[in-house]
Amino acid sequence: MIRKLRIILEMIKFEHTVFALPFAYMGALLGALVMEDRLPSWAEIGWISLAMFGARSAAMSLNRVIDKAIDLRNPRTKNRALPAGLLKSAEVLLFIVVSFGLLILAAANLDPITMKLMPIAVFFLVIYSYTKRFTWLCHIVLGLTIALSPLGAWVAVTGQFDAVAWLLYGTVALWIAGFDIIYATQDFEYDRNAGLYSIPARFGIAGALWIARSLHIITAVGFVALFWMTQLSWLYLFGALLSIALLFYQHYLVKPTDLSRVQTAFFGMNGTLSVVLFLFTIADLAVLSQW
């Protein structure tokens, strides 16, 4: 059982939780600060962490089950656990049920509106895996899905929405969509040959990279706009500017004629970006706000 669980965690790339979890914590922190002039409790942070684990585990596992046949035919993904026969679909489905159970348990212990909005979150967690079959906007749908983490955390501690919450949601959504487009350049030829939809398959690698850059320019504007729309001060702004530098460094790493550093750009730069921005947000609240 331990071995199977280890394979499942490897299959869903558990370490990629670093992309969304820091922003979920940012959503909780900023929501409590902006709406209620407080910090979230440790209990709220704990339940948000459990909700994140449940939601991401369920979504990624569903993606692997839904895409099993596609992954089997793709040289880049044919050695994943399901197409390689290391796991059975029934085993992964059981893990999905448990993961959704953890998500529901966590939501039940947060603000009541969290449970009411649960069907919307579940819809996005399920539908995004199918979008590559009918629209090249699949990257945007993925961004809108993962960006529910900071928006959901905001609502989980405040019970309400705010303009800052939507700004954070849109900013994170475009950031994720941008780097997912970069990641998808690896499957450019396969997607075209298999009739799958993606921005690289639709616009070519060079066009896709320009679209990713455009989305990340808007992301950069969003990071700075958070400084102007909240009580955050110069320490957050410094972290935002550093994150923006990391954001655009990944575009330096990846060129239409050289995709050899896509993995470095995808995980290294983006994983670092989310942690850096979160740490500077924490430092801003702790040092300058003296909380």
Protein backbone atom coordinates (compact mmCIF):
# COMPACT_ATOMS: atom_id res chain seq x y z
CA MET A 1 0.00 0.00 0.00
CA ILE A 2 2.86 2.39 0.87
CA ARG A 3 4.52 1.62 -2.46
CA LYS A 4 1.27 2.26 -4.35
CA LEU A 5 0.76 5.55 -2.52
CA ARG A 6 4.32 6.60 -3.36
CA ILE A 7 3.68 5.83 -7.03
CA ILE A 8 0.43 7.83 -6.97
CA LEU A 9 2.14 10.86 -5.40
CA GLU A 10 4.84 10.65 -8.04
CA MET A 11 2.19 10.28 -10.76
CA ILE A 12 0.36 13.46 -9.70
CA LYS A 13 3.66 15.34 -9.22
CA PHE A 14 2.94 16.17 -5.59
CA GLU A 15 5.93 18.52 -5.52
CA HIS A 16 4.12 20.78 -8.01
CA THR A 17 1.80 21.77 -5.15
CA VAL A 18 4.38 24.54 -4.63
CA PHE A 19 2.79 26.41 -7.55
CA ALA A 20 -0.62 26.97 -5.96
CA LEU A 21 -0.28 26.45 -2.20
CA PRO A 22 1.67 29.69 -1.49
CA PHE A 23 -0.99 31.65 -3.38
CA ALA A 24 -3.73 29.92 -1.38
CA TYR A 25 -2.02 31.11 1.79
CA MET A 26 -1.71 34.58 0.25
CA GLY A 27 -5.44 34.57 -0.47
CA ALA A 28 -6.20 33.67 3.13
CA LEU A 29 -3.80 36.28 4.52
CA LEU A 30 -4.91 39.11 2.27
CA GLY A 31 -8.58 38.24 2.68
CA ALA A 32 -8.41 38.35 6.45
CA LEU A 33 -6.33 41.54 6.33
CA VAL A 34 -8.39 43.46 3.76
CA MET A 35 -11.85 42.37 4.88
CA GLU A 36 -11.48 41.90 8.63
CA ASP A 37 -8.17 43.50 9.67
CA ARG A 38 -6.88 40.27 11.19
CA LEU A 39 -4.77 37.24 10.40
CA PRO A 40 -6.33 33.85 9.64
CA SER A 41 -6.26 31.38 12.52
CA TRP A 42 -4.00 28.35 12.50
CA ALA A 43 -7.13 26.18 12.27
CA GLU A 44 -8.19 27.99 9.09
CA ILE A 45 -4.70 27.58 7.61
CA GLY A 46 -4.79 23.87 8.47
CA TRP A 47 -8.16 23.26 6.83
CA ILE A 48 -7.13 25.28 3.76
CA SER A 49 -3.99 23.11 3.47
CA LEU A 50 -6.10 19.95 3.65
CA ALA A 51 -8.53 21.34 1.07
CA MET A 52 -5.62 22.13 -1.25
CA PHE A 53 -4.20 18.63 -0.90
CA GLY A 54 -7.60 17.04 -1.54
CA ALA A 55 -8.51 19.25 -4.49
CA ARG A 56 -5.18 19.01 -6.28
CA SER A 57 -4.81 15.27 -5.66
CA ALA A 58 -8.31 14.58 -6.99
CA ALA A 59 -7.86 16.82 -10.04
CA MET A 60 -4.45 15.48 -11.05
CA SER A 61 -5.49 11.87 -10.51
CA LEU A 62 -8.62 12.41 -12.61
CA ASN A 63 -6.44 13.94 -15.31
CA ARG A 64 -4.24 10.86 -15.38
CA VAL A 65 -7.25 8.51 -15.59
CA ILE A 66 -9.01 10.58 -18.27
CA ASP A 67 -5.82 10.95 -20.33
CA LYS A 68 -4.61 7.35 -19.94
CA ALA A 69 -5.07 6.48 -23.64
CA ILE A 70 -3.55 9.78 -24.79
CA ASP A 71 -0.56 9.36 -22.48
CA LEU A 72 0.03 5.84 -23.77
CA ARG A 73 0.48 7.11 -27.34
CA ASN A 74 2.63 10.12 -26.42
CA PRO A 75 6.37 9.27 -26.24
CA ARG A 76 6.86 11.89 -23.49
CA THR A 77 4.16 10.43 -21.22
CA LYS A 78 3.95 6.74 -22.08
CA ASN A 79 5.98 5.79 -18.99
CA ARG A 80 3.55 7.41 -16.55
CA ALA A 81 2.17 5.05 -13.93
CA LEU A 82 -1.20 4.24 -15.55
CA PRO A 83 -0.12 3.67 -19.18
CA ALA A 84 2.96 1.79 -17.92
CA GLY A 85 0.78 -0.54 -15.84
CA LEU A 86 2.27 0.42 -12.47
CA LEU A 87 -1.19 1.32 -11.22
CA LYS A 88 -4.72 0.17 -12.02
CA SER A 89 -7.44 2.68 -12.81
CA ALA A 90 -9.52 1.31 -9.92
CA GLU A 91 -6.71 2.08 -7.48
CA VAL A 92 -6.45 5.65 -8.71
CA LEU A 93 -10.24 6.06 -8.61
CA LEU A 94 -10.21 5.02 -4.95
CA PHE A 95 -7.56 7.66 -4.28
CA ILE A 96 -9.75 10.22 -6.07
CA VAL A 97 -12.75 9.39 -3.86
CA VAL A 98 -10.63 9.76 -0.72
CA SER A 99 -9.17 13.04 -2.02
CA PHE A 100 -12.60 14.52 -2.69
CA GLY A 101 -13.64 13.34 0.77
CA LEU A 102 -10.76 15.32 2.30
CA LEU A 103 -11.77 18.37 0.28
CA ILE A 104 -15.36 18.15 1.52
CA LEU A 105 -14.22 17.61 5.11
CA ALA A 106 -12.01 20.69 4.95
CA ALA A 107 -14.72 22.82 3.33
CA ALA A 108 -17.20 21.80 6.04
CA ASN A 109 -14.88 23.26 8.68
CA LEU A 110 -14.43 26.64 6.95
CA ASP A 111 -16.92 29.43 6.27
CA PRO A 112 -20.37 28.00 5.31
CA ILE A 113 -20.22 29.63 1.87
CA THR A 114 -17.33 27.28 1.05
CA MET A 115 -19.63 24.26 0.95
CA LYS A 116 -22.21 26.15 -1.11
CA LEU A 117 -19.60 26.97 -3.75
CA MET A 118 -18.13 23.46 -3.73
CA PRO A 119 -20.02 22.25 -6.86
CA ILE A 120 -18.44 25.05 -8.92
CA ALA A 121 -14.96 24.07 -7.80
CA VAL A 122 -15.59 20.37 -8.47
CA PHE A 123 -16.93 21.20 -11.95
CA PHE A 124 -13.71 23.02 -12.87
CA LEU A 125 -11.54 20.29 -11.32
CA VAL A 126 -13.22 17.71 -13.55
CA ILE A 127 -13.85 19.58 -16.80
CA TYR A 128 -10.40 21.00 -17.43
CA SER A 129 -8.97 17.56 -18.26
CA TYR A 130 -11.39 17.28 -21.20
CA THR A 131 -10.80 20.73 -22.71
CA LYS A 132 -7.77 19.75 -24.79
CA ARG A 133 -10.18 17.63 -26.81
CA PHE A 134 -12.23 20.58 -28.08
CA THR A 135 -10.55 23.97 -27.46
CA TRP A 136 -7.09 25.50 -27.59
CA LEU A 137 -8.19 27.67 -24.65
CA CYS A 138 -7.49 24.66 -22.43
CA HIS A 139 -4.54 26.52 -20.85
CA ILE A 140 -6.85 29.36 -19.78
CA VAL A 141 -9.29 26.86 -18.28
CA LEU A 142 -6.42 25.27 -16.34
CA GLY A 143 -5.39 28.71 -15.07
CA LEU A 144 -8.95 29.53 -14.01
CA THR A 145 -9.13 26.17 -12.22
CA ILE A 146 -5.88 26.33 -10.26
CA ALA A 147 -6.43 30.01 -9.44
CA LEU A 148 -9.48 28.94 -7.46
CA SER A 149 -6.96 28.15 -4.69
CA PRO A 150 -6.31 31.78 -3.63
CA LEU A 151 -9.90 32.81 -4.37
CA GLY A 152 -11.27 29.86 -2.42
CA ALA A 153 -8.93 30.53 0.51
CA TRP A 154 -10.02 34.18 0.53
CA VAL A 155 -13.69 33.20 0.70
CA ALA A 156 -12.98 30.42 3.20
CA VAL A 157 -11.75 32.89 5.83
CA THR A 158 -13.98 35.89 5.02
CA GLY A 159 -17.21 34.46 3.63
CA GLN A 160 -17.28 37.12 0.92
CA PHE A 161 -15.67 38.36 -2.29
CA ASP A 162 -13.84 41.62 -2.97
CA ALA A 163 -12.20 43.39 -5.91
CA VAL A 164 -8.78 42.43 -4.53
CA ALA A 165 -9.83 38.78 -4.43
CA TRP A 166 -10.81 38.88 -8.10
CA LEU A 167 -7.57 40.68 -8.97
CA LEU A 168 -5.56 37.95 -7.24
CA TYR A 169 -7.65 35.29 -8.99
CA GLY A 170 -7.16 36.76 -12.45
CA THR A 171 -3.45 37.39 -11.91
CA VAL A 172 -2.75 33.83 -10.78
CA ALA A 173 -4.94 32.40 -13.57
CA LEU A 174 -2.97 34.22 -16.28
CA TRP A 175 0.36 33.29 -14.67
CA ILE A 176 -0.57 29.60 -14.71
CA ALA A 177 -2.02 29.73 -18.23
CA GLY A 178 1.19 31.38 -19.46
CA PHE A 179 3.58 28.80 -18.08
CA ASP A 180 1.26 25.94 -19.10
CA ILE A 181 1.51 27.20 -22.68
CA ILE A 182 5.31 27.07 -22.38
CA TYR A 183 5.08 23.53 -20.98
CA ALA A 184 2.76 22.47 -23.82
CA THR A 185 5.36 23.34 -26.46
CA GLN A 186 6.94 19.97 -25.63
CA ASP A 187 3.90 18.23 -27.15
CA PHE A 188 3.55 20.50 -30.19
CA GLU A 189 4.00 17.77 -32.81
CA TYR A 190 2.10 15.09 -30.93
CA ASP A 191 -0.91 17.35 -30.30
CA ARG A 192 -1.13 18.29 -33.96
CA ASN A 193 -0.82 14.70 -35.15
CA ALA A 194 -3.32 13.42 -32.56
CA GLY A 195 -5.89 16.14 -33.28
CA LEU A 196 -5.63 17.58 -29.78
CA TYR A 197 -6.12 21.27 -29.08
CA SER A 198 -3.50 23.55 -27.57
CA ILE A 199 -2.15 27.03 -28.22
CA PRO A 200 1.19 25.65 -29.54
CA ALA A 201 -0.69 23.29 -31.87
CA ARG A 202 -2.93 26.14 -33.07
CA PHE A 203 -0.44 29.00 -33.40
CA GLY A 204 2.93 27.24 -33.61
CA ILE A 205 5.72 27.37 -31.04
CA ALA A 206 6.82 30.94 -31.76
CA GLY A 207 3.25 32.23 -31.66
CA ALA A 208 2.53 30.32 -28.47
CA LEU A 209 5.56 31.80 -26.73
CA TRP A 210 4.43 35.30 -27.68
CA ILE A 211 0.99 34.60 -26.22
CA ALA A 212 2.62 33.30 -23.03
CA ARG A 213 4.72 36.47 -22.80
CA SER A 214 1.62 38.61 -23.23
CA LEU A 215 -0.21 36.78 -20.45
CA HIS A 216 2.80 37.18 -18.17
CA ILE A 217 3.00 40.91 -18.86
CA ILE A 218 -0.57 41.19 -17.54
CA THR A 219 0.45 38.97 -14.62
CA ALA A 220 3.25 41.40 -13.78
CA VAL A 221 0.78 44.28 -13.80
CA GLY A 222 -1.46 42.30 -11.46
CA PHE A 223 1.35 41.68 -8.95
CA VAL A 224 2.06 45.42 -8.80
CA ALA A 225 -1.66 46.30 -8.67
CA LEU A 226 -1.98 44.20 -5.50
CA PHE A 227 0.48 46.60 -3.87
CA TRP A 228 -1.72 49.60 -4.71
CA MET A 229 -5.02 47.97 -3.72
CA THR A 230 -3.99 46.58 -0.33
CA GLN A 231 -2.17 47.65 2.82
CA LEU A 232 0.97 45.89 1.65
CA SER A 233 4.03 48.12 1.54
CA TRP A 234 7.46 48.40 -0.09
CA LEU A 235 8.70 45.02 1.17
CA TYR A 236 5.93 43.21 -0.74
CA LEU A 237 6.61 45.44 -3.76
CA PHE A 238 10.27 44.40 -3.73
CA GLY A 239 9.21 40.74 -3.65
CA ALA A 240 6.75 41.39 -6.49
CA LEU A 241 9.47 42.96 -8.63
CA LEU A 242 11.79 40.04 -7.88
CA SER A 243 9.01 37.62 -8.85
CA ILE A 244 8.44 39.53 -12.07
CA ALA A 245 12.14 39.18 -12.87
CA LEU A 246 11.85 35.41 -12.36
CA LEU A 247 8.71 35.43 -14.47
CA PHE A 248 10.47 36.92 -17.47
CA TYR A 249 13.70 35.01 -16.97
CA GLN A 250 11.84 31.85 -17.92
CA HIS A 251 11.07 33.45 -21.28
CA TYR A 252 14.77 34.04 -21.75
CA LEU A 253 15.37 30.33 -21.09
CA VAL A 254 12.86 29.11 -23.69
CA LYS A 255 13.16 30.00 -27.38
CA PRO A 256 11.29 28.69 -30.42
CA THR A 257 14.49 27.07 -31.66
CA ASP A 258 15.58 25.71 -28.27
CA LEU A 259 13.10 24.02 -25.93
CA SER A 260 15.74 22.12 -23.97
CA ARG A 261 15.19 24.22 -20.83
CA VAL A 262 11.40 24.06 -20.69
CA GLN A 263 11.49 21.91 -17.54
CA THR A 264 13.78 24.40 -15.79
CA ALA A 265 11.52 27.28 -16.79
CA PHE A 266 8.37 25.38 -15.83
CA PHE A 267 9.25 24.05 -12.39
CA GLY A 268 12.37 25.93 -11.30
CA MET A 269 11.33 29.49 -12.12
CA ASN A 270 7.61 29.21 -11.35
CA GLY A 271 8.04 27.19 -8.17
CA THR A 272 10.54 29.74 -6.92
CA LEU A 273 8.31 32.65 -7.94
CA SER A 274 5.31 31.53 -5.86
CA VAL A 275 7.44 30.90 -2.77
CA VAL A 276 9.31 34.20 -3.11
CA LEU A 277 6.14 36.27 -3.44
CA PHE A 278 4.54 34.50 -0.48
CA LEU A 279 7.60 34.92 1.75
CA PHE A 280 7.82 38.64 0.99
CA THR A 281 4.11 38.98 1.72
CA ILE A 282 4.63 37.28 5.09
CA ALA A 283 7.67 39.45 5.80
CA ASP A 284 5.69 42.56 4.93
CA LEU A 285 2.93 41.66 7.37
CA ALA A 286 5.29 40.51 10.10
CA VAL A 287 7.90 43.27 9.95
CA LEU A 288 6.15 46.37 8.69
CA SER A 289 2.63 45.75 10.00
CA GLN A 290 4.10 44.36 13.25
CA TRP A 291 1.52 41.59 13.47
